[in-house]
C-alpha cells in the first residue's frame, strides 16, 4: 500500500491509528512530539494527516522514520506545521523531487542540507 507515496490522500486521526495499529492517543502524542504533522482541513476543520507521511517497513505501516528529525529541523528554521508540510510536498529544484519523496528514497542528508539553506 505504501510502496509509492500518495500525496493527495488525507487521513483522519482514527484512520491513521487504524493503519498504524495503535490507539488514537499515540497518534496525537506523535503529533505533539513532532514525529508527525496534522493540519486542519475540510468543512469541519478536522485534523488530517497526509498519507505520504507514512511508510511500509517489513509489511507494517509506520511513520516515515526520517520524518521526526526533518520536522525538528524545519521547526528550528522557523516553519509552522502548515509551512513544513507545504515545503515537504512541494517540488524542490535542489532535490529534483519533493523533499518528502526524497525522504522516501533515503536522501535524508540532502533534505537536511536543503533545510539548512532555508534558515539563512
PDB file of N, CA and C in Angstrom:
ATOM      1  N   UNK A   1       0.811  -1.202   0.000  1.00  0.00           N
ATOM      2  CA  UNK A   1       0.000   0.000   0.000  1.00  0.00           C
ATOM      3  C   UNK A   1       0.852   1.262   0.000  1.00  0.00           C
ATOM      4  N   UNK A   2       1.961   1.271   0.712  1.00  0.00           N
ATOM      5  CA  UNK A   2       2.763   2.479   0.835  1.00  0.00           C
ATOM      6  C   UNK A   2       4.075   2.393   0.075  1.00  0.00           C
ATOM      7  N   UNK A   3       4.170   1.529  -0.923  1.00  0.00           N
ATOM      8  CA  UNK A   3       5.393   1.456  -1.715  1.00  0.00           C
ATOM      9  C   UNK A   3       5.627   2.759  -2.464  1.00  0.00           C
ATOM     10  N   UNK A   4       4.578   3.320  -3.027  1.00  0.00           N
ATOM     11  CA  UNK A   4       4.650   4.610  -3.700  1.00  0.00           C
ATOM     12  C   UNK A   4       3.800   5.585  -2.904  1.00  0.00           C
ATOM     13  N   UNK A   5       4.392   6.648  -2.364  1.00  0.00           N
ATOM     14  CA  UNK A   5       3.622   7.603  -1.573  1.00  0.00           C
ATOM     15  C   UNK A   5       2.511   8.246  -2.404  1.00  0.00           C
ATOM     16  N   UNK A   6       1.359   8.417  -1.786  1.00  0.00           N
ATOM     17  CA  UNK A   6       0.234   9.104  -2.414  1.00  0.00           C
ATOM     18  C   UNK A   6       0.107  10.446  -1.713  1.00  0.00           C
ATOM     19  N   UNK A   7       0.390  11.520  -2.435  1.00  0.00           N
ATOM     20  CA  UNK A   7       0.485  12.834  -1.812  1.00  0.00           C
ATOM     21  C   UNK A   7      -0.850  13.542  -1.654  1.00  0.00           C
ATOM     22  N   UNK A   8      -1.897  13.055  -2.313  1.00  0.00           N
ATOM     23  CA  UNK A   8      -3.172  13.761  -2.226  1.00  0.00           C
ATOM     24  C   UNK A   8      -4.202  13.009  -1.390  1.00  0.00           C
ATOM     25  N   UNK A   9      -3.768  12.027  -0.632  1.00  0.00           N
ATOM     26  CA  UNK A   9      -4.687  11.282   0.234  1.00  0.00           C
ATOM     27  C   UNK A   9      -4.502  11.754   1.672  1.00  0.00           C
ATOM     28  N   UNK A  10      -5.610  12.138   2.272  1.00  0.00           N
ATOM     29  CA  UNK A  10      -5.590  12.641   3.640  1.00  0.00           C
ATOM     30  C   UNK A  10      -6.316  11.668   4.551  1.00  0.00           C
ATOM     31  N   UNK A  11      -5.767  11.463   5.722  1.00  0.00           N
ATOM     32  CA  UNK A  11      -6.314  10.524   6.694  1.00  0.00           C
ATOM     33  C   UNK A  11      -6.703  11.254   7.973  1.00  0.00           C
ATOM     34  N   UNK A  12      -7.773  10.801   8.594  1.00  0.00           N
ATOM     35  CA  UNK A  12      -8.143  11.321   9.911  1.00  0.00           C
ATOM     36  C   UNK A  12      -7.234  10.672  10.962  1.00  0.00           C
ATOM     37  N   UNK A  13      -7.286  11.187  12.163  1.00  0.00           N
ATOM     38  CA  UNK A  13      -6.511  10.571  13.242  1.00  0.00           C
ATOM     39  C   UNK A  13      -6.972   9.129  13.481  1.00  0.00           C
ATOM     40  N   UNK A  14      -8.288   8.853  13.519  1.00  0.00           N
ATOM     41  CA  UNK A  14      -8.698   7.446  13.688  1.00  0.00           C
ATOM     42  C   UNK A  14      -8.218   6.539  12.548  1.00  0.00           C
ATOM     43  N   UNK A  15      -8.267   7.025  11.310  1.00  0.00           N
ATOM     44  CA  UNK A  15      -7.790   6.219  10.177  1.00  0.00           C
ATOM     45  C   UNK A  15      -6.294   5.946  10.293  1.00  0.00           C
ATOM     46  N   UNK A  16      -5.547   6.975  10.689  1.00  0.00           N
ATOM     47  CA  UNK A  16      -4.099   6.821  10.850  1.00  0.00           C
ATOM     48  C   UNK A  16      -3.796   5.812  11.953  1.00  0.00           C
ATOM     49  N   UNK A  17      -4.512   5.928  13.057  1.00  0.00           N
ATOM     50  CA  UNK A  17      -4.315   4.993  14.169  1.00  0.00           C
ATOM     51  C   UNK A  17      -4.605   3.560  13.727  1.00  0.00           C
ATOM     52  N   UNK A  18      -5.672   3.373  12.957  1.00  0.00           N
ATOM     53  CA  UNK A  18      -6.005   2.028  12.468  1.00  0.00           C
ATOM     54  C   UNK A  18      -4.895   1.474  11.585  1.00  0.00           C
ATOM     55  N   UNK A  19      -4.377   2.304  10.670  1.00  0.00           N
ATOM     56  CA  UNK A  19      -3.301   1.849   9.784  1.00  0.00           C
ATOM     57  C   UNK A  19      -2.045   1.478  10.563  1.00  0.00           C
ATOM     58  N   UNK A  20      -1.731   2.290  11.569  1.00  0.00           N
ATOM     59  CA  UNK A  20      -0.527   2.051  12.370  1.00  0.00           C
ATOM     60  C   UNK A  20      -0.735   0.950  13.408  1.00  0.00           C
ATOM     61  N   UNK A  21      -1.997   0.614  13.673  1.00  0.00           N
ATOM     62  CA  UNK A  21      -2.290  -0.402  14.678  1.00  0.00           C
ATOM     63  C   UNK A  21      -2.034   0.073  16.095  1.00  0.00           C
ATOM     64  N   UNK A  22      -2.308   1.363  16.334  1.00  0.00           N
ATOM     65  CA  UNK A  22      -2.082   1.952  17.657  1.00  0.00           C
ATOM     66  C   UNK A  22      -3.339   2.705  18.091  1.00  0.00           C
ATOM     67  N   UNK A  23      -3.466   3.008  19.383  1.00  0.00           N
ATOM     68  CA  UNK A  23      -4.588   3.838  19.833  1.00  0.00           C
ATOM     69  C   UNK A  23      -4.461   5.267  19.290  1.00  0.00           C
ATOM     70  N   UNK A  24      -5.590   5.945  19.166  1.00  0.00           N
ATOM     71  CA  UNK A  24      -5.582   7.324  18.668  1.00  0.00           C
ATOM     72  C   UNK A  24      -4.700   8.233  19.515  1.00  0.00           C
ATOM     73  N   UNK A  25      -4.637   7.990  20.813  1.00  0.00           N
ATOM     74  CA  UNK A  25      -3.817   8.854  21.681  1.00  0.00           C
ATOM     75  C   UNK A  25      -2.340   8.796  21.286  1.00  0.00           C
ATOM     76  N   UNK A  26      -1.887   7.643  20.760  1.00  0.00           N
ATOM     77  CA  UNK A  26      -0.491   7.545  20.320  1.00  0.00           C
ATOM     78  C   UNK A  26      -0.245   8.393  19.078  1.00  0.00           C
ATOM     79  N   UNK A  27      -1.228   8.477  18.200  1.00  0.00           N
ATOM     80  CA  UNK A  27      -1.101   9.343  17.023  1.00  0.00           C
ATOM     81  C   UNK A  27      -1.050  10.795  17.480  1.00  0.00           C
ATOM     82  N   UNK A  28      -1.931  11.163  18.401  1.00  0.00           N
ATOM     83  CA  UNK A  28      -1.929  12.541  18.928  1.00  0.00           C
ATOM     84  C   UNK A  28      -0.600  12.856  19.621  1.00  0.00           C
ATOM     85  N   UNK A  29      -0.067  11.910  20.365  1.00  0.00           N
ATOM     86  CA  UNK A  29       1.230  12.105  21.025  1.00  0.00           C
ATOM     87  C   UNK A  29       2.345  12.264  20.002  1.00  0.00           C
ATOM     88  N   UNK A  30       2.293  11.495  18.928  1.00  0.00           N
ATOM     89  CA  UNK A  30       3.305  11.612  17.868  1.00  0.00           C
ATOM     90  C   UNK A  30       3.254  13.000  17.241  1.00  0.00           C
ATOM     91  N   UNK A  31       2.065  13.555  17.104  1.00  0.00           N
ATOM     92  CA  UNK A  31       1.924  14.912  16.562  1.00  0.00           C
ATOM     93  C   UNK A  31       2.537  15.914  17.537  1.00  0.00           C
ATOM     94  N   UNK A  32       2.242  15.771  18.816  1.00  0.00           N
ATOM     95  CA  UNK A  32       2.791  16.676  19.829  1.00  0.00           C
ATOM     96  C   UNK A  32       4.312  16.603  19.896  1.00  0.00           C
ATOM     97  N   UNK A  33       4.881  15.415  19.670  1.00  0.00           N
ATOM     98  CA  UNK A  33       6.340  15.228  19.731  1.00  0.00           C
ATOM     99  C   UNK A  33       7.027  15.573  18.408  1.00  0.00           C
ATOM    100  N   UNK A  34       6.285  16.080  17.455  1.00  0.00           N
ATOM    101  CA  UNK A  34       6.794  16.428  16.118  1.00  0.00           C
ATOM    102  C   UNK A  34       7.347  15.212  15.377  1.00  0.00           C
ATOM    103  N   UNK A  35       6.713  14.076  15.582  1.00  0.00           N
ATOM    104  CA  UNK A  35       7.056  12.891  14.805  1.00  0.00           C
ATOM    105  C   UNK A  35       6.144  12.784  13.588  1.00  0.00           C
ATOM    106  N   UNK A  36       5.081  13.579  13.585  1.00  0.00           N
ATOM    107  CA  UNK A  36       4.051  13.531  12.566  1.00  0.00           C
ATOM    108  C   UNK A  36       3.397  14.903  12.500  1.00  0.00           C
ATOM    109  N   UNK A  37       2.901  15.284  11.333  1.00  0.00           N
ATOM    110  CA  UNK A  37       2.202  16.565  11.172  1.00  0.00           C
ATOM    111  C   UNK A  37       0.738  16.290  10.888  1.00  0.00           C
ATOM    112  N   UNK A  38      -0.120  17.031  11.563  1.00  0.00           N
ATOM    113  CA  UNK A  38      -1.542  17.045  11.237  1.00  0.00           C
ATOM    114  C   UNK A  38      -1.937  18.502  11.044  1.00  0.00           C
ATOM    115  N   UNK A  39      -2.750  18.748  10.043  1.00  0.00           N
ATOM    116  CA  UNK A  39      -3.261  20.099   9.819  1.00  0.00           C
ATOM    117  C   UNK A  39      -4.783  20.029   9.753  1.00  0.00           C
ATOM    118  N   UNK A  40      -5.410  21.146   9.983  1.00  0.00           N
ATOM    119  CA  UNK A  40      -6.879  21.194   9.925  1.00  0.00           C
ATOM    120  C   UNK A  40      -7.299  21.399   8.477  1.00  0.00           C
ATOM    121  N   UNK A  41      -8.241  20.543   8.033  1.00  0.00           N
ATOM    122  CA  UNK A  41      -8.716  20.592   6.649  1.00  0.00           C
ATOM    123  C   UNK A  41     -10.219  20.363   6.611  1.00  0.00           C
ATOM    124  N   UNK A  42     -10.795  20.772   5.495  1.00  0.00           N
ATOM    125  CA  UNK A  42     -12.193  20.471   5.240  1.00  0.00           C
ATOM    126  C   UNK A  42     -13.160  21.414   5.924  1.00  0.00           C
ATOM    127  N   UNK A  43     -14.419  21.158   5.652  1.00  0.00           N
ATOM    128  CA  UNK A  43     -15.507  22.000   6.141  1.00  0.00           C
ATOM    129  C   UNK A  43     -15.545  22.070   7.666  1.00  0.00           C
ATOM    130  N   UNK A  44     -15.238  20.964   8.319  1.00  0.00           N
ATOM    131  CA  UNK A  44     -15.308  20.918   9.778  1.00  0.00           C
ATOM    132  C   UNK A  44     -13.962  21.164  10.452  1.00  0.00           C
ATOM    133  N   UNK A  45     -12.957  21.472   9.638  1.00  0.00           N
ATOM    134  CA  UNK A  45     -11.611  21.781  10.151  1.00  0.00           C
ATOM    135  C   UNK A  45     -11.085  20.651  11.043  1.00  0.00           C
ATOM    136  N   UNK A  46     -11.311  19.426  10.614  1.00  0.00           N
ATOM    137  CA  UNK A  46     -10.834  18.254  11.356  1.00  0.00           C
ATOM    138  C   UNK A  46      -9.344  18.061  11.093  1.00  0.00           C
ATOM    139  N   UNK A  47      -8.646  17.467  12.047  1.00  0.00           N
ATOM    140  CA  UNK A  47      -7.232  17.164  11.869  1.00  0.00           C
ATOM    141  C   UNK A  47      -7.073  16.144  10.750  1.00  0.00           C
ATOM    142  N   UNK A  48      -6.111  16.380   9.877  1.00  0.00           N
ATOM    143  CA  UNK A  48      -5.851  15.468   8.762  1.00  0.00           C
ATOM    144  C   UNK A  48      -4.348  15.246   8.642  1.00  0.00           C
ATOM    145  N   UNK A  49      -3.991  14.032   8.267  1.00  0.00           N
ATOM    146  CA  UNK A  49      -2.594  13.629   8.119  1.00  0.00           C
ATOM    147  C   UNK A  49      -2.404  13.149   6.696  1.00  0.00           C
ATOM    148  N   UNK A  50      -1.399  13.684   6.016  1.00  0.00           N
ATOM    149  CA  UNK A  50      -1.137  13.249   4.648  1.00  0.00           C
ATOM    150  C   UNK A  50      -0.584  11.829   4.679  1.00  0.00           C
ATOM    151  N   UNK A  51      -1.155  10.958   3.866  1.00  0.00           N
ATOM    152  CA  UNK A  51      -0.760   9.541   3.888  1.00  0.00           C
ATOM    153  C   UNK A  51       0.696   9.332   3.487  1.00  0.00           C
ATOM    154  N   UNK A  52       1.285  10.285   2.777  1.00  0.00           N
ATOM    155  CA  UNK A  52       2.683  10.144   2.358  1.00  0.00           C
ATOM    156  C   UNK A  52       3.653  10.290   3.530  1.00  0.00           C
ATOM    157  N   UNK A  53       3.145  10.693   4.700  1.00  0.00           N
ATOM    158  CA  UNK A  53       3.990  10.765   5.889  1.00  0.00           C
ATOM    159  C   UNK A  53       4.182   9.389   6.523  1.00  0.00           C
ATOM    160  N   UNK A  54       3.510   8.405   5.954  1.00  0.00           N
ATOM    161  CA  UNK A  54       3.614   7.029   6.432  1.00  0.00           C
ATOM    162  C   UNK A  54       4.410   6.206   5.435  1.00  0.00           C
ATOM    163  N   UNK A  55       4.958   5.125   5.903  1.00  0.00           N
ATOM    164  CA  UNK A  55       5.746   4.235   5.041  1.00  0.00           C
ATOM    165  C   UNK A  55       5.452   2.795   5.450  1.00  0.00           C
ATOM    166  N   UNK A  56       5.912   1.890   4.642  1.00  0.00           N
ATOM    167  CA  UNK A  56       5.763   0.477   4.974  1.00  0.00           C
ATOM    168  C   UNK A  56       7.141  -0.113   5.226  1.00  0.00           C
ATOM    169  N   UNK A  57       7.291  -0.761   6.368  1.00  0.00           N
ATOM    170  CA  UNK A  57       8.545  -1.430   6.717  1.00  0.00           C
ATOM    171  C   UNK A  57       8.220  -2.839   7.182  1.00  0.00           C
ATOM    172  N   UNK A  58       8.804  -3.813   6.520  1.00  0.00           N
ATOM    173  CA  UNK A  58       8.608  -5.214   6.899  1.00  0.00           C
ATOM    174  C   UNK A  58       7.129  -5.579   6.967  1.00  0.00           C
ATOM    175  N   UNK A  59       6.360  -5.051   6.002  1.00  0.00           N
ATOM    176  CA  UNK A  59       4.942  -5.372   5.919  1.00  0.00           C
ATOM    177  C   UNK A  59       4.051  -4.647   6.907  1.00  0.00           C
ATOM    178  N   UNK A  60       4.615  -3.684   7.622  1.00  0.00           N
ATOM    179  CA  UNK A  60       3.845  -2.941   8.616  1.00  0.00           C
ATOM    180  C   UNK A  60       3.890  -1.450   8.283  1.00  0.00           C
ATOM    181  N   UNK A  61       2.765  -0.759   8.457  1.00  0.00           N
ATOM    182  CA  UNK A  61       2.709   0.681   8.229  1.00  0.00           C
ATOM    183  C   UNK A  61       3.296   1.381   9.450  1.00  0.00           C
ATOM    184  N   UNK A  62       4.213   2.329   9.189  1.00  0.00           N
ATOM    185  CA  UNK A  62       4.887   3.094  10.245  1.00  0.00           C
ATOM    186  C   UNK A  62       4.938   4.559   9.829  1.00  0.00           C
ATOM    187  N   UNK A  63       5.206   5.416  10.788  1.00  0.00           N
ATOM    188  CA  UNK A  63       5.503   6.810  10.459  1.00  0.00           C
ATOM    189  C   UNK A  63       6.857   6.819   9.777  1.00  0.00           C
ATOM    190  N   UNK A  64       6.990   7.553   8.694  1.00  0.00           N
ATOM    191  CA  UNK A  64       8.247   7.626   7.959  1.00  0.00           C
ATOM    192  C   UNK A  64       9.378   7.906   8.956  1.00  0.00           C
ATOM    193  N   UNK A  65      10.331   6.986   9.120  1.00  0.00           N
ATOM    194  CA  UNK A  65      11.349   7.105  10.168  1.00  0.00           C
ATOM    195  C   UNK A  65      12.164   8.403  10.132  1.00  0.00           C
ATOM    196  N   UNK A  66      12.451   8.919   8.972  1.00  0.00           N
ATOM    197  CA  UNK A  66      13.274  10.130   8.869  1.00  0.00           C
ATOM    198  C   UNK A  66      12.469  11.408   9.072  1.00  0.00           C
ATOM    199  N   UNK A  67      11.171  11.276   9.318  1.00  0.00           N
ATOM    200  CA  UNK A  67      10.313  12.458   9.410  1.00  0.00           C
ATOM    201  C   UNK A  67      10.589  13.286  10.657  1.00  0.00           C
ATOM    202  N   UNK A  68      10.777  12.648  11.810  1.00  0.00           N
ATOM    203  CA  UNK A  68      10.930  13.399  13.056  1.00  0.00           C
ATOM    204  C   UNK A  68      12.089  14.389  13.002  1.00  0.00           C
ATOM    205  N   UNK A  69      13.262  13.942  12.644  1.00  0.00           N
ATOM    206  CA  UNK A  69      14.411  14.840  12.569  1.00  0.00           C
ATOM    207  C   UNK A  69      14.206  15.951  11.554  1.00  0.00           C
ATOM    208  N   UNK A  70      13.529  15.631  10.479  1.00  0.00           N
ATOM    209  CA  UNK A  70      13.240  16.627   9.449  1.00  0.00           C
ATOM    210  C   UNK A  70      12.276  17.677   9.987  1.00  0.00           C
ATOM    211  N   UNK A  71      11.240  17.240  10.695  1.00  0.00           N
ATOM    212  CA  UNK A  71      10.279  18.190  11.264  1.00  0.00           C
ATOM    213  C   UNK A  71      10.921  19.069  12.326  1.00  0.00           C
ATOM    214  N   UNK A  72      11.805  18.502  13.123  1.00  0.00           N
ATOM    215  CA  UNK A  72      12.519  19.296  14.129  1.00  0.00           C
ATOM    216  C   UNK A  72      13.386  20.344  13.432  1.00  0.00           C
ATOM    217  N   UNK A  73      14.091  19.953  12.375  1.00  0.00           N
ATOM    218  CA  UNK A  73      14.935  20.897  11.634  1.00  0.00           C
ATOM    219  C   UNK A  73      14.092  22.014  11.022  1.00  0.00           C
ATOM    220  N   UNK A  74      12.930  21.677  10.476  1.00  0.00           N
ATOM    221  CA  UNK A  74      12.049  22.701   9.904  1.00  0.00           C
ATOM    222  C   UNK A  74      11.521  23.630  10.996  1.00  0.00           C
ATOM    223  N   UNK A  75      11.168  23.085  12.133  1.00  0.00           N
ATOM    224  CA  UNK A  75      10.711  23.908  13.257  1.00  0.00           C
ATOM    225  C   UNK A  75      11.827  24.847  13.699  1.00  0.00           C
ATOM    226  N   UNK A  76      13.044  24.323  13.791  1.00  0.00           N
ATOM    227  CA  UNK A  76      14.193  25.151  14.179  1.00  0.00           C
ATOM    228  C   UNK A  76      14.462  26.255  13.163  1.00  0.00           C
ATOM    229  N   UNK A  77      14.089  26.020  11.903  1.00  0.00           N
ATOM    230  CA  UNK A  77      14.254  27.030  10.851  1.00  0.00           C
ATOM    231  C   UNK A  77      13.099  28.032  10.853  1.00  0.00           C
ATOM    232  N   UNK A  78      12.149  27.869  11.785  1.00  0.00           N
ATOM    233  CA  UNK A  78      11.063  28.829  11.928  1.00  0.00           C
ATOM    234  C   UNK A  78       9.775  28.463  11.212  1.00  0.00           C
ATOM    235  N   UNK A  79       9.654  27.238  10.736  1.00  0.00           N
ATOM    236  CA  UNK A  79       8.466  26.822   9.996  1.00  0.00           C
ATOM    237  C   UNK A  79       7.362  26.349  10.943  1.00  0.00           C
ATOM    238  N   UNK A  80       6.122  26.730  10.637  1.00  0.00           N
ATOM    239  CA  UNK A  80       4.960  26.185  11.342  1.00  0.00           C
ATOM    240  C   UNK A  80       4.669  24.795  10.781  1.00  0.00           C
ATOM    241  N   UNK A  81       3.739  24.087  11.378  1.00  0.00           N
ATOM    242  CA  UNK A  81       3.360  22.766  10.861  1.00  0.00           C
ATOM    243  C   UNK A  81       2.850  22.863   9.432  1.00  0.00           C
ATOM    244  N   UNK A  82       1.993  23.853   9.163  1.00  0.00           N
ATOM    245  CA  UNK A  82       1.443  24.014   7.821  1.00  0.00           C
ATOM    246  C   UNK A  82       2.541  24.340   6.813  1.00  0.00           C
ATOM    247  N   UNK A  83       3.452  25.232   7.197  1.00  0.00           N
ATOM    248  CA  UNK A  83       4.563  25.586   6.306  1.00  0.00           C
ATOM    249  C   UNK A  83       5.485  24.393   6.081  1.00  0.00           C
ATOM    250  N   UNK A  84       5.717  23.618   7.126  1.00  0.00           N
ATOM    251  CA  UNK A  84       6.565  22.428   7.000  1.00  0.00           C
ATOM    252  C   UNK A  84       5.960  21.437   6.023  1.00  0.00           C
ATOM    253  N   UNK A  85       4.675  21.171   6.165  1.00  0.00           N
ATOM    254  CA  UNK A  85       4.021  20.217   5.275  1.00  0.00           C
ATOM    255  C   UNK A  85       4.026  20.729   3.842  1.00  0.00           C
ATOM    256  N   UNK A  86       3.767  22.004   3.665  1.00  0.00           N
ATOM    257  CA  UNK A  86       3.798  22.585   2.323  1.00  0.00           C
ATOM    258  C   UNK A  86       5.180  22.422   1.703  1.00  0.00           C
ATOM    259  N   UNK A  87       6.223  22.692   2.472  1.00  0.00           N
ATOM    260  CA  UNK A  87       7.592  22.562   1.960  1.00  0.00           C
ATOM    261  C   UNK A  87       7.901  21.106   1.627  1.00  0.00           C
ATOM    262  N   UNK A  88       7.478  20.188   2.469  1.00  0.00           N
ATOM    263  CA  UNK A  88       7.742  18.767   2.235  1.00  0.00           C
ATOM    264  C   UNK A  88       7.070  18.247   0.966  1.00  0.00           C
ATOM    265  N   UNK A  89       5.905  18.776   0.639  1.00  0.00           N
ATOM    266  CA  UNK A  89       5.139  18.285  -0.509  1.00  0.00           C
ATOM    267  C   UNK A  89       5.490  18.978  -1.823  1.00  0.00           C
ATOM    268  N   UNK A  90       6.112  20.149  -1.745  1.00  0.00           N
ATOM    269  CA  UNK A  90       6.405  20.948  -2.943  1.00  0.00           C
ATOM    270  C   UNK A  90       7.701  20.478  -3.606  1.00  0.00           C
ATOM    271  N   UNK A  91       7.694  20.451  -4.925  1.00  0.00           N
ATOM    272  CA  UNK A  91       8.905  20.088  -5.672  1.00  0.00           C
ATOM    273  C   UNK A  91      10.047  21.026  -5.287  1.00  0.00           C
ATOM    274  N   UNK A  92      11.247  20.475  -5.188  1.00  0.00           N
ATOM    275  CA  UNK A  92      12.425  21.231  -4.803  1.00  0.00           C
ATOM    276  C   UNK A  92      13.490  21.020  -5.874  1.00  0.00           C
ATOM    277  N   UNK A  93      13.932  22.107  -6.494  1.00  0.00           N
ATOM    278  CA  UNK A  93      14.918  22.006  -7.582  1.00  0.00           C
ATOM    279  C   UNK A  93      16.200  21.326  -7.126  1.00  0.00           C
ATOM    280  N   UNK A  94      16.672  21.696  -5.958  1.00  0.00           N
ATOM    281  CA  UNK A  94      17.927  21.138  -5.437  1.00  0.00           C
ATOM    282  C   UNK A  94      17.842  19.615  -5.286  1.00  0.00           C
ATOM    283  N   UNK A  95      16.684  19.138  -4.871  1.00  0.00           N
ATOM    284  CA  UNK A  95      16.492  17.701  -4.640  1.00  0.00           C
ATOM    285  C   UNK A  95      15.981  16.965  -5.877  1.00  0.00           C
ATOM    286  N   UNK A  96      15.516  17.716  -6.865  1.00  0.00           N
ATOM    287  CA  UNK A  96      14.914  17.163  -8.083  1.00  0.00           C
ATOM    288  C   UNK A  96      13.716  16.274  -7.761  1.00  0.00           C
ATOM    289  N   UNK A  97      13.040  16.584  -6.685  1.00  0.00           N
ATOM    290  CA  UNK A  97      11.839  15.873  -6.233  1.00  0.00           C
ATOM    291  C   UNK A  97      11.278  16.683  -5.070  1.00  0.00           C
ATOM    292  N   UNK A  98      10.154  16.269  -4.560  1.00  0.00           N
ATOM    293  CA  UNK A  98       9.686  16.906  -3.332  1.00  0.00           C
ATOM    294  C   UNK A  98      10.559  16.386  -2.185  1.00  0.00           C
ATOM    295  N   UNK A  99      10.756  17.187  -1.144  1.00  0.00           N
ATOM    296  CA  UNK A  99      11.535  16.697  -0.008  1.00  0.00           C
ATOM    297  C   UNK A  99      10.960  15.405   0.583  1.00  0.00           C
ATOM    298  N   UNK A 100       9.643  15.280   0.594  1.00  0.00           N
ATOM    299  CA  UNK A 100       9.043  14.062   1.132  1.00  0.00           C
ATOM    300  C   UNK A 100       9.381  12.852   0.268  1.00  0.00           C
ATOM    301  N   UNK A 101       9.356  13.030  -1.048  1.00  0.00           N
ATOM    302  CA  UNK A 101       9.747  11.933  -1.940  1.00  0.00           C
ATOM    303  C   UNK A 101      11.222  11.584  -1.710  1.00  0.00           C
ATOM    304  N   UNK A 102      12.053  12.614  -1.535  1.00  0.00           N
ATOM    305  CA  UNK A 102      13.476  12.369  -1.279  1.00  0.00           C
ATOM    306  C   UNK A 102      13.664  11.582   0.024  1.00  0.00           C
ATOM    307  N   UNK A 103      12.871  11.887   1.052  1.00  0.00           N
ATOM    308  CA  UNK A 103      12.958  11.124   2.301  1.00  0.00           C
ATOM    309  C   UNK A 103      12.559   9.671   2.075  1.00  0.00           C
ATOM    310  N   UNK A 104      11.519   9.448   1.287  1.00  0.00           N
ATOM    311  CA  UNK A 104      11.104   8.072   0.978  1.00  0.00           C
ATOM    312  C   UNK A 104      12.202   7.330   0.217  1.00  0.00           C
ATOM    313  N   UNK A 105      13.006   8.077  -0.537  1.00  0.00           N
ATOM    314  CA  UNK A 105      14.100   7.470  -1.305  1.00  0.00           C
ATOM    315  C   UNK A 105      15.376   7.338  -0.484  1.00  0.00           C
ATOM    316  N   UNK A 106      15.339   7.744   0.782  1.00  0.00           N
ATOM    317  CA  UNK A 106      16.503   7.618   1.654  1.00  0.00           C
ATOM    318  C   UNK A 106      17.501   8.756   1.562  1.00  0.00           C
ATOM    319  N   UNK A 107      17.132   9.863   0.950  1.00  0.00           N
ATOM    320  CA  UNK A 107      18.047  11.003   0.775  1.00  0.00           C
ATOM    321  C   UNK A 107      17.920  11.980   1.944  1.00  0.00           C
ATOM    322  N   UNK A 108      18.095  11.460   3.137  1.00  0.00           N
ATOM    323  CA  UNK A 108      17.892  12.244   4.355  1.00  0.00           C
ATOM    324  C   UNK A 108      18.863  13.418   4.432  1.00  0.00           C
ATOM    325  N   UNK A 109      20.140  13.167   4.174  1.00  0.00           N
ATOM    326  CA  UNK A 109      21.146  14.227   4.304  1.00  0.00           C
ATOM    327  C   UNK A 109      20.916  15.336   3.289  1.00  0.00           C
ATOM    328  N   UNK A 110      20.499  15.003   2.090  1.00  0.00           N
ATOM    329  CA  UNK A 110      20.211  16.022   1.075  1.00  0.00           C
ATOM    330  C   UNK A 110      19.039  16.894   1.519  1.00  0.00           C
ATOM    331  N   UNK A 111      18.024  16.283   2.115  1.00  0.00           N
ATOM    332  CA  UNK A 111      16.871  17.046   2.602  1.00  0.00           C
ATOM    333  C   UNK A 111      17.300  17.959   3.742  1.00  0.00           C
ATOM    334  N   UNK A 112      18.109  17.461   4.648  1.00  0.00           N
ATOM    335  CA  UNK A 112      18.550  18.279   5.785  1.00  0.00           C
ATOM    336  C   UNK A 112      19.431  19.445   5.310  1.00  0.00           C
ATOM    337  N   UNK A 113      20.259  19.210   4.278  1.00  0.00           N
ATOM    338  CA  UNK A 113      21.060  20.313   3.711  1.00  0.00           C
ATOM    339  C   UNK A 113      20.144  21.371   3.105  1.00  0.00           C
ATOM    340  N   UNK A 114      19.098  20.936   2.431  1.00  0.00           N
ATOM    341  CA  UNK A 114      18.146  21.880   1.837  1.00  0.00           C
ATOM    342  C   UNK A 114      17.469  22.708   2.927  1.00  0.00           C
ATOM    343  N   UNK A 115      17.188  22.099   4.065  1.00  0.00           N
ATOM    344  CA  UNK A 115      16.577  22.832   5.180  1.00  0.00           C
ATOM    345  C   UNK A 115      17.556  23.855   5.742  1.00  0.00           C
ATOM    346  N   UNK A 116      18.825  23.481   5.865  1.00  0.00           N
ATOM    347  CA  UNK A 116      19.827  24.415   6.386  1.00  0.00           C
ATOM    348  C   UNK A 116      19.904  25.665   5.532  1.00  0.00           C
ATOM    349  N   UNK A 117      19.758  25.519   4.229  1.00  0.00           N
ATOM    350  CA  UNK A 117      19.821  26.693   3.352  1.00  0.00           C
ATOM    351  C   UNK A 117      18.597  27.584   3.530  1.00  0.00           C
ATOM    352  N   UNK A 118      17.494  27.044   4.043  1.00  0.00           N
ATOM    353  CA  UNK A 118      16.286  27.839   4.279  1.00  0.00           C
ATOM    354  C   UNK A 118      16.440  28.749   5.486  1.00  0.00           C
ATOM    355  N   UNK A 119      17.252  28.348   6.432  1.00  0.00           N
ATOM    356  CA  UNK A 119      17.380  29.082   7.690  1.00  0.00           C
ATOM    357  C   UNK A 119      18.163  30.378   7.536  1.00  0.00           C
ATOM    358  N   UNK A 120      18.786  30.585   6.380  1.00  0.00           N
ATOM    359  CA  UNK A 120      19.601  31.795   6.204  1.00  0.00           C
ATOM    360  C   UNK A 120      18.993  32.763   5.245  1.00  0.00           C
TER     361      UNK A 120
END
